[in-house]
């Protein structure tokens, strides 16, 4: 079972790093599903796609470094560096 958890963690990390591509994939999957169902379940498909996209946004916010560990090299005016130009 640990392998499944590791795989899921890798998938979440990849999704947060490549959110644009994953979001485009969600949109494409939604379009295909709508075509295959003949529009009968459009409302449900839209809701699922929106939920998946929102999940990705939340994951990306959690993965973004904040505070002192945030990369600020080469930016003398960046917060946390204590330097001003």
N, C-alpha and C. Protein backbone atom coordinates (compact mmCIF):
# COMPACT_ATOMS: atom_id res chain seq x y z
N UNK A 1 0.82 -1.19 0.00
CA UNK A 1 0.00 0.00 0.00
C UNK A 1 0.86 1.25 0.00
N UNK A 2 2.08 1.14 0.54
CA UNK A 2 2.96 2.31 0.58
C UNK A 2 3.31 2.77 -0.83
N UNK A 3 3.39 1.84 -1.75
CA UNK A 3 3.71 2.22 -3.14
C UNK A 3 2.62 3.09 -3.73
N UNK A 4 1.39 2.76 -3.42
CA UNK A 4 0.27 3.55 -3.93
C UNK A 4 0.32 4.97 -3.37
N UNK A 5 0.64 5.12 -2.10
CA UNK A 5 0.77 6.44 -1.49
C UNK A 5 1.90 7.23 -2.11
N UNK A 6 3.03 6.56 -2.36
CA UNK A 6 4.17 7.22 -3.01
C UNK A 6 3.80 7.68 -4.42
N UNK A 7 3.10 6.82 -5.14
CA UNK A 7 2.69 7.17 -6.50
C UNK A 7 1.74 8.37 -6.49
N UNK A 8 0.83 8.37 -5.52
CA UNK A 8 -0.12 9.48 -5.43
C UNK A 8 0.61 10.78 -5.09
N UNK A 9 1.59 10.70 -4.19
CA UNK A 9 2.37 11.90 -3.85
C UNK A 9 3.12 12.43 -5.06
N UNK A 10 3.70 11.54 -5.85
CA UNK A 10 4.41 11.95 -7.07
C UNK A 10 3.44 12.59 -8.06
N UNK A 11 2.25 12.01 -8.16
CA UNK A 11 1.25 12.57 -9.06
C UNK A 11 0.83 13.96 -8.63
N UNK A 12 0.62 14.16 -7.33
CA UNK A 12 0.25 15.48 -6.82
C UNK A 12 1.36 16.50 -7.09
N UNK A 13 2.61 16.08 -6.88
CA UNK A 13 3.72 16.99 -7.12
C UNK A 13 3.80 17.38 -8.59
N UNK A 14 3.68 16.40 -9.47
CA UNK A 14 3.72 16.68 -10.91
C UNK A 14 2.57 17.60 -11.32
N UNK A 15 1.40 17.36 -10.76
CA UNK A 15 0.24 18.19 -11.09
C UNK A 15 0.46 19.62 -10.63
N UNK A 16 1.08 19.80 -9.46
CA UNK A 16 1.30 21.16 -8.98
C UNK A 16 2.37 21.87 -9.79
N UNK A 17 3.33 21.12 -10.31
CA UNK A 17 4.40 21.72 -11.11
C UNK A 17 3.97 22.01 -12.54
N UNK A 18 2.99 21.26 -13.03
CA UNK A 18 2.55 21.40 -14.42
C UNK A 18 1.04 21.63 -14.46
N UNK A 19 0.57 22.53 -13.63
CA UNK A 19 -0.86 22.78 -13.49
C UNK A 19 -1.54 23.18 -14.79
N UNK A 20 -0.86 23.95 -15.62
CA UNK A 20 -1.46 24.38 -16.89
C UNK A 20 -1.76 23.21 -17.80
N UNK A 21 -0.83 22.28 -17.90
CA UNK A 21 -1.04 21.11 -18.75
C UNK A 21 -2.13 20.21 -18.18
N UNK A 22 -2.12 20.03 -16.87
CA UNK A 22 -3.14 19.19 -16.25
C UNK A 22 -4.51 19.82 -16.40
N UNK A 23 -4.59 21.13 -16.23
CA UNK A 23 -5.86 21.84 -16.39
C UNK A 23 -6.38 21.70 -17.82
N UNK A 24 -5.48 21.80 -18.79
CA UNK A 24 -5.88 21.61 -20.19
C UNK A 24 -6.38 20.19 -20.41
N UNK A 25 -5.76 19.22 -19.75
CA UNK A 25 -6.20 17.83 -19.86
C UNK A 25 -7.58 17.63 -19.25
N UNK A 26 -7.84 18.30 -18.15
CA UNK A 26 -9.17 18.23 -17.53
C UNK A 26 -10.22 18.81 -18.47
N UNK A 27 -9.90 19.94 -19.09
CA UNK A 27 -10.84 20.56 -20.04
C UNK A 27 -11.11 19.64 -21.22
N UNK A 28 -10.06 19.03 -21.74
CA UNK A 28 -10.21 18.13 -22.88
C UNK A 28 -11.05 16.91 -22.50
N UNK A 29 -10.77 16.34 -21.32
CA UNK A 29 -11.54 15.18 -20.86
C UNK A 29 -13.01 15.55 -20.68
N UNK A 30 -13.27 16.76 -20.18
CA UNK A 30 -14.65 17.21 -20.02
C UNK A 30 -15.36 17.31 -21.36
N UNK A 31 -14.67 17.88 -22.34
CA UNK A 31 -15.28 18.00 -23.68
C UNK A 31 -15.60 16.63 -24.28
N UNK A 32 -14.66 15.70 -24.15
CA UNK A 32 -14.88 14.36 -24.70
C UNK A 32 -16.04 13.67 -23.98
N UNK A 33 -16.09 13.80 -22.66
CA UNK A 33 -17.18 13.19 -21.90
C UNK A 33 -18.53 13.77 -22.31
N UNK A 34 -18.56 15.07 -22.53
CA UNK A 34 -19.82 15.70 -22.95
C UNK A 34 -20.25 15.19 -24.32
N UNK A 35 -19.28 15.03 -25.23
CA UNK A 35 -19.60 14.50 -26.56
C UNK A 35 -20.14 13.07 -26.46
N UNK A 36 -19.48 12.26 -25.65
CA UNK A 36 -19.87 10.85 -25.53
C UNK A 36 -21.24 10.68 -24.88
N UNK A 37 -21.61 11.58 -24.00
CA UNK A 37 -22.90 11.46 -23.31
C UNK A 37 -24.00 12.25 -24.01
N UNK A 38 -23.66 12.91 -25.09
CA UNK A 38 -24.67 13.64 -25.85
C UNK A 38 -25.27 14.82 -25.11
N UNK A 39 -24.53 15.37 -24.16
CA UNK A 39 -25.02 16.54 -23.43
C UNK A 39 -25.93 16.20 -22.26
N UNK A 40 -26.20 14.92 -22.08
CA UNK A 40 -27.14 14.52 -21.02
C UNK A 40 -26.62 14.81 -19.62
N UNK A 41 -25.30 14.76 -19.44
CA UNK A 41 -24.71 14.94 -18.11
C UNK A 41 -23.78 16.15 -18.03
N UNK A 42 -23.98 17.13 -18.88
CA UNK A 42 -23.09 18.29 -18.93
C UNK A 42 -22.93 18.97 -17.57
N UNK A 43 -24.00 19.11 -16.85
CA UNK A 43 -23.95 19.78 -15.54
C UNK A 43 -23.01 19.04 -14.58
N UNK A 44 -23.12 17.73 -14.57
CA UNK A 44 -22.30 16.91 -13.68
C UNK A 44 -20.83 16.93 -14.11
N UNK A 45 -20.62 16.87 -15.41
CA UNK A 45 -19.25 16.89 -15.94
C UNK A 45 -18.59 18.23 -15.64
N UNK A 46 -19.33 19.32 -15.81
CA UNK A 46 -18.79 20.64 -15.50
C UNK A 46 -18.41 20.75 -14.02
N UNK A 47 -19.29 20.23 -13.17
CA UNK A 47 -19.03 20.30 -11.73
C UNK A 47 -17.77 19.49 -11.37
N UNK A 48 -17.62 18.32 -11.95
CA UNK A 48 -16.44 17.49 -11.67
C UNK A 48 -15.17 18.17 -12.19
N UNK A 49 -15.23 18.75 -13.38
CA UNK A 49 -14.08 19.45 -13.93
C UNK A 49 -13.69 20.65 -13.09
N UNK A 50 -14.68 21.40 -12.64
CA UNK A 50 -14.42 22.56 -11.78
C UNK A 50 -13.79 22.13 -10.46
N UNK A 51 -14.29 21.03 -9.90
CA UNK A 51 -13.75 20.53 -8.63
C UNK A 51 -12.30 20.09 -8.81
N UNK A 52 -12.00 19.42 -9.91
CA UNK A 52 -10.63 18.98 -10.16
C UNK A 52 -9.69 20.17 -10.34
N UNK A 53 -10.13 21.17 -11.08
CA UNK A 53 -9.32 22.36 -11.30
C UNK A 53 -9.08 23.11 -9.99
N UNK A 54 -10.10 23.23 -9.17
CA UNK A 54 -9.95 23.90 -7.87
C UNK A 54 -8.99 23.13 -6.97
N UNK A 55 -9.06 21.81 -7.01
CA UNK A 55 -8.14 20.99 -6.23
C UNK A 55 -6.70 21.28 -6.64
N UNK A 56 -6.47 21.37 -7.95
CA UNK A 56 -5.12 21.69 -8.43
C UNK A 56 -4.65 23.05 -7.94
N UNK A 57 -5.54 24.02 -7.95
CA UNK A 57 -5.17 25.36 -7.47
C UNK A 57 -4.78 25.33 -5.99
N UNK A 58 -5.56 24.60 -5.20
CA UNK A 58 -5.24 24.50 -3.77
C UNK A 58 -3.91 23.79 -3.55
N UNK A 59 -3.67 22.74 -4.31
CA UNK A 59 -2.41 22.01 -4.18
C UNK A 59 -1.23 22.91 -4.56
N UNK A 60 -1.40 23.69 -5.61
CA UNK A 60 -0.32 24.57 -6.04
C UNK A 60 -0.01 25.62 -4.98
N UNK A 61 -1.04 26.14 -4.33
CA UNK A 61 -0.82 27.12 -3.26
C UNK A 61 -0.08 26.49 -2.09
N UNK A 62 -0.38 25.25 -1.77
CA UNK A 62 0.28 24.56 -0.67
C UNK A 62 1.73 24.23 -1.00
N UNK A 63 2.01 23.96 -2.26
CA UNK A 63 3.36 23.60 -2.68
C UNK A 63 4.29 24.80 -2.80
N UNK A 64 3.72 26.00 -2.99
CA UNK A 64 4.52 27.21 -3.16
C UNK A 64 5.26 27.55 -1.88
N UNK A 65 6.57 27.76 -1.96
CA UNK A 65 7.30 28.14 -0.74
C UNK A 65 6.92 29.54 -0.28
N UNK A 66 6.84 29.69 1.02
CA UNK A 66 6.57 31.01 1.60
C UNK A 66 7.54 31.24 2.73
N UNK A 67 7.64 32.45 3.17
CA UNK A 67 8.50 32.75 4.31
C UNK A 67 9.96 32.71 3.96
N UNK A 68 10.83 32.43 4.96
CA UNK A 68 12.27 32.51 4.76
C UNK A 68 12.81 31.51 3.75
N UNK A 69 12.14 30.37 3.56
CA UNK A 69 12.67 29.40 2.62
C UNK A 69 12.39 29.75 1.16
N UNK A 70 11.63 30.79 0.93
CA UNK A 70 11.33 31.24 -0.43
C UNK A 70 12.59 31.72 -1.11
N UNK A 71 12.76 31.37 -2.38
CA UNK A 71 13.96 31.75 -3.12
C UNK A 71 13.95 33.23 -3.42
N UNK A 72 15.00 33.93 -3.01
CA UNK A 72 15.08 35.36 -3.25
C UNK A 72 16.45 35.75 -3.80
N UNK A 73 17.25 34.76 -4.21
CA UNK A 73 18.58 35.07 -4.71
C UNK A 73 18.50 35.97 -5.94
N UNK A 74 19.40 36.88 -6.03
CA UNK A 74 19.45 37.76 -7.19
C UNK A 74 18.40 38.84 -7.20
N UNK A 75 17.66 38.96 -6.13
CA UNK A 75 16.62 39.97 -6.04
C UNK A 75 16.84 40.77 -4.77
N UNK A 76 17.65 41.82 -4.82
CA UNK A 76 17.98 42.55 -3.61
C UNK A 76 16.78 43.21 -2.94
N UNK A 77 15.73 43.47 -3.67
CA UNK A 77 14.57 44.11 -3.07
C UNK A 77 13.50 43.11 -2.63
N UNK A 78 13.82 41.83 -2.72
CA UNK A 78 12.83 40.79 -2.38
C UNK A 78 12.61 40.75 -0.87
N UNK A 79 11.38 40.43 -0.47
CA UNK A 79 11.09 40.33 0.96
C UNK A 79 11.96 39.24 1.61
N UNK A 80 12.42 39.52 2.79
CA UNK A 80 13.19 38.54 3.52
C UNK A 80 14.69 38.62 3.30
N UNK A 81 15.16 39.44 2.36
CA UNK A 81 16.59 39.52 2.11
C UNK A 81 17.24 40.56 3.00
N UNK A 82 16.48 41.51 3.49
CA UNK A 82 17.02 42.56 4.34
C UNK A 82 17.83 43.60 3.59
N UNK A 83 17.83 43.49 2.27
CA UNK A 83 18.60 44.45 1.46
C UNK A 83 17.65 45.32 0.66
N UNK A 84 18.09 46.50 0.39
CA UNK A 84 17.34 47.42 -0.46
C UNK A 84 18.27 47.91 -1.56
N UNK A 85 17.72 48.14 -2.73
CA UNK A 85 18.58 48.61 -3.85
C UNK A 85 19.15 49.99 -3.61
